[in-house]
Amino acid sequence: MPQTVLYHTQDGYRPNVGIILFNHKNKVFWARRCSHDGWQFPQGGVRSNETLRQALFRELKEEVGLGRDHVRVVARTQRWLHYDLPQAYLRRLRNKSQKSFKGQKQIWYLLKLTGDESEVRLDISHKPEFDDWIWKDWAAAVEEIIEFKRQVYRTAFYELKVHLPTNTFS
């Protein structure tokens, strides 16, 4: 099957889905990028022929190895959250004929893990995104993310945290 290209809209932002996966203790899935020291939530671009939900489940499978039967969609952000990439990143991308590219716009999904965490597989893709993962306190993750993504993480956190169960022992 041919790979569908990722695209960016006329505003210069590439559509993207962010995934906040939480467990029965309200801890979030926090993953380390391959060959980097940076940790983040799974996220990925929306292909031109996909809906946001299709992109969500494709990225969940590619990056975390989980399918629809392992999670329940709890909520999503109501609007696009944008971040601009720093100039150093943009220079590399703009040299590849993406002259108007500025950054990403994201819809964030909050997912409850309903399967077993032993089913997480970071090596399912031909080019894995992550090489390690942990369960982490959401607020701590927001403060640890790379600076240029921090405001988007905070906004998603404040919008979605109200959907977490209050009883962390259920």
Protein backbone atom coordinates (compact mmCIF):
# COMPACT_ATOMS: atom_id res chain seq x y z
CA MET A 1 0.00 0.00 0.00
CA PRO A 2 1.50 3.41 -0.93
CA GLN A 3 2.39 5.78 1.88
CA THR A 4 0.12 8.82 1.95
CA VAL A 5 2.08 12.01 2.41
CA LEU A 6 1.68 14.20 5.43
CA TYR A 7 0.70 17.71 4.59
CA HIS A 8 0.43 21.13 6.08
CA THR A 9 -2.39 23.55 5.59
CA GLN A 10 -2.18 26.99 4.05
CA ASP A 11 -1.65 28.48 7.50
CA GLY A 12 1.72 26.66 7.65
CA TYR A 13 0.78 24.19 10.39
CA ARG A 14 0.80 20.44 9.89
CA PRO A 15 -2.32 18.72 11.30
CA ASN A 16 -1.35 16.32 14.06
CA VAL A 17 -2.95 14.17 16.77
CA GLY A 18 -1.59 13.96 20.30
CA ILE A 19 -2.23 10.95 22.53
CA ILE A 20 -2.48 11.07 26.31
CA LEU A 21 -2.89 7.51 27.50
CA PHE A 22 -3.62 6.99 31.19
CA ASN A 23 -3.81 3.91 33.39
CA HIS A 24 -6.01 2.91 36.35
CA LYS A 25 -3.89 5.10 38.67
CA ASN A 26 -4.32 8.19 36.44
CA LYS A 27 -0.63 8.05 35.48
CA VAL A 28 0.15 8.92 31.87
CA PHE A 29 2.20 7.08 29.28
CA TRP A 30 5.50 8.97 28.89
CA ALA A 31 7.91 7.78 26.19
CA ARG A 32 11.54 8.47 25.32
CA ARG A 33 12.31 9.28 21.70
CA CYS A 34 14.77 6.93 20.01
CA SER A 35 18.34 8.23 19.96
CA HIS A 36 17.35 11.29 22.02
CA ASP A 37 17.14 12.17 25.66
CA GLY A 38 13.71 13.78 25.22
CA TRP A 39 10.48 12.33 26.56
CA GLN A 40 6.99 13.10 25.28
CA PHE A 41 3.45 11.87 24.68
CA PRO A 42 2.89 9.96 21.45
CA GLN A 43 1.83 12.18 18.57
CA GLY A 44 1.86 12.12 14.81
CA GLY A 45 0.76 13.73 11.61
CA VAL A 46 -2.60 13.34 9.96
CA ARG A 47 -2.42 12.07 6.39
CA SER A 48 -4.38 13.88 3.71
CA ASN A 49 -6.83 10.97 3.32
CA GLU A 50 -7.47 10.38 7.05
CA THR A 51 -9.92 11.59 9.62
CA LEU A 52 -8.52 12.66 12.99
CA ARG A 53 -9.80 9.47 14.58
CA GLN A 54 -8.20 7.30 11.91
CA ALA A 55 -4.89 9.10 12.48
CA LEU A 56 -5.28 8.63 16.25
CA PHE A 57 -5.59 4.86 15.98
CA ARG A 58 -2.89 4.54 13.29
CA GLU A 59 -0.42 6.50 15.44
CA LEU A 60 -1.39 4.57 18.57
CA LYS A 61 -0.64 1.31 16.76
CA GLU A 62 2.58 2.52 15.09
CA GLU A 63 4.11 4.20 18.12
CA VAL A 64 2.75 2.23 21.09
CA GLY A 65 1.58 -1.05 19.54
CA LEU A 66 -1.94 -0.77 20.95
CA GLY A 67 -5.18 -1.08 19.02
CA ARG A 68 -8.73 0.17 19.48
CA ASP A 69 -9.51 -2.83 21.68
CA HIS A 70 -6.84 -1.79 24.21
CA VAL A 71 -8.16 1.71 24.91
CA ARG A 72 -11.28 3.80 25.40
CA VAL A 73 -11.46 7.33 24.04
CA VAL A 74 -12.46 9.54 26.98
CA ALA A 75 -12.23 13.06 25.54
CA ARG A 76 -10.44 15.31 23.06
CA THR A 77 -9.51 18.95 22.90
CA GLN A 78 -12.21 21.08 21.31
CA ARG A 79 -9.91 23.16 19.14
CA TRP A 80 -6.56 22.96 17.43
CA LEU A 81 -3.57 23.72 19.69
CA HIS A 82 -0.60 25.20 17.80
CA TYR A 83 3.11 25.30 18.39
CA ASP A 84 5.83 26.85 16.29
CA LEU A 85 9.03 24.96 15.69
CA PRO A 86 12.27 26.72 16.65
CA GLN A 87 14.31 28.25 13.80
CA ALA A 88 16.95 25.49 13.94
CA TYR A 89 14.30 22.87 13.11
CA LEU A 90 12.66 25.06 10.49
CA ARG A 91 15.90 25.64 8.58
CA ARG A 92 16.27 21.91 7.99
CA LEU A 93 12.65 21.49 6.92
CA ARG A 94 12.55 24.56 4.74
CA ASN A 95 15.56 23.27 2.83
CA LYS A 96 13.32 20.36 1.87
CA SER A 97 10.88 22.60 -0.04
CA GLN A 98 8.48 23.24 2.84
CA LYS A 99 9.08 26.96 2.79
CA SER A 100 5.81 27.99 4.47
CA PHE A 101 5.95 25.37 7.25
CA LYS A 102 5.76 26.92 10.75
CA GLY A 103 4.91 24.07 13.11
CA GLN A 104 2.11 21.78 14.14
CA LYS A 105 -1.54 22.13 15.04
CA GLN A 106 -2.84 19.36 17.22
CA ILE A 107 -6.02 17.81 18.47
CA TRP A 108 -5.24 15.95 21.70
CA TYR A 109 -7.04 12.74 22.69
CA LEU A 110 -7.32 11.40 26.22
CA LEU A 111 -7.38 7.58 26.22
CA LYS A 112 -7.90 5.15 29.09
CA LEU A 113 -5.89 1.95 28.89
CA THR A 114 -8.42 -0.88 29.11
CA GLY A 115 -6.03 -3.65 28.06
CA ASP A 116 -2.93 -4.83 29.85
CA GLU A 117 0.20 -2.67 29.82
CA SER A 118 2.21 -5.76 28.84
CA GLU A 119 0.66 -5.32 25.38
CA VAL A 120 2.59 -2.07 24.80
CA ARG A 121 5.04 -2.62 21.95
CA LEU A 122 7.43 0.12 20.91
CA ASP A 123 9.02 -2.00 18.17
CA ILE A 124 5.98 -2.65 15.99
CA SER A 125 6.88 -0.02 13.37
CA HIS A 126 9.72 -0.43 10.86
CA LYS A 127 11.20 2.77 12.30
CA PRO A 128 10.24 2.99 16.01
CA GLU A 129 9.63 6.42 17.47
CA PHE A 130 10.35 5.46 21.08
CA ASP A 131 12.81 3.18 22.87
CA ASP A 132 11.50 3.33 26.46
CA TRP A 133 8.38 4.32 28.39
CA ILE A 134 7.10 4.81 31.94
CA TRP A 135 3.92 5.79 33.76
CA LYS A 136 4.29 9.37 35.01
CA ASP A 137 2.35 12.03 36.86
CA TRP A 138 0.71 14.17 34.20
CA ALA A 139 1.58 17.53 35.75
CA ALA A 140 5.27 16.52 35.97
CA ALA A 141 5.26 15.48 32.33
CA VAL A 142 3.89 18.87 31.33
CA GLU A 143 6.77 20.61 33.11
CA GLU A 144 9.41 18.31 31.58
CA ILE A 145 8.44 18.58 27.92
CA ILE A 146 10.73 20.54 25.63
CA GLU A 147 10.06 24.27 25.98
CA PHE A 148 8.53 24.94 22.55
CA LYS A 149 5.79 22.32 23.18
CA ARG A 150 5.12 23.25 26.81
CA GLN A 151 2.21 25.66 26.32
CA VAL A 152 0.35 23.16 24.13
CA TYR A 153 0.87 20.45 26.77
CA ARG A 154 -0.39 22.78 29.50
CA THR A 155 -3.46 23.76 27.51
CA ALA A 156 -4.30 20.12 26.74
CA PHE A 157 -3.74 19.22 30.41
CA TYR A 158 -6.08 21.90 31.75
CA GLU A 159 -8.78 21.10 29.21
CA LEU A 160 -8.65 17.31 29.55
CA LYS A 161 -7.80 16.66 33.21
CA VAL A 162 -11.43 17.18 34.24
CA HIS A 163 -12.22 13.93 32.41
CA LEU A 164 -9.93 11.81 34.60
CA PRO A 165 -11.69 9.58 37.12
CA THR A 166 -11.50 10.99 40.64
CA ASN A 167 -11.16 7.60 42.27
CA THR A 168 -7.66 6.50 41.30
CA PHE A 169 -8.13 3.05 42.85
CA SER A 170 -10.93 1.86 40.59
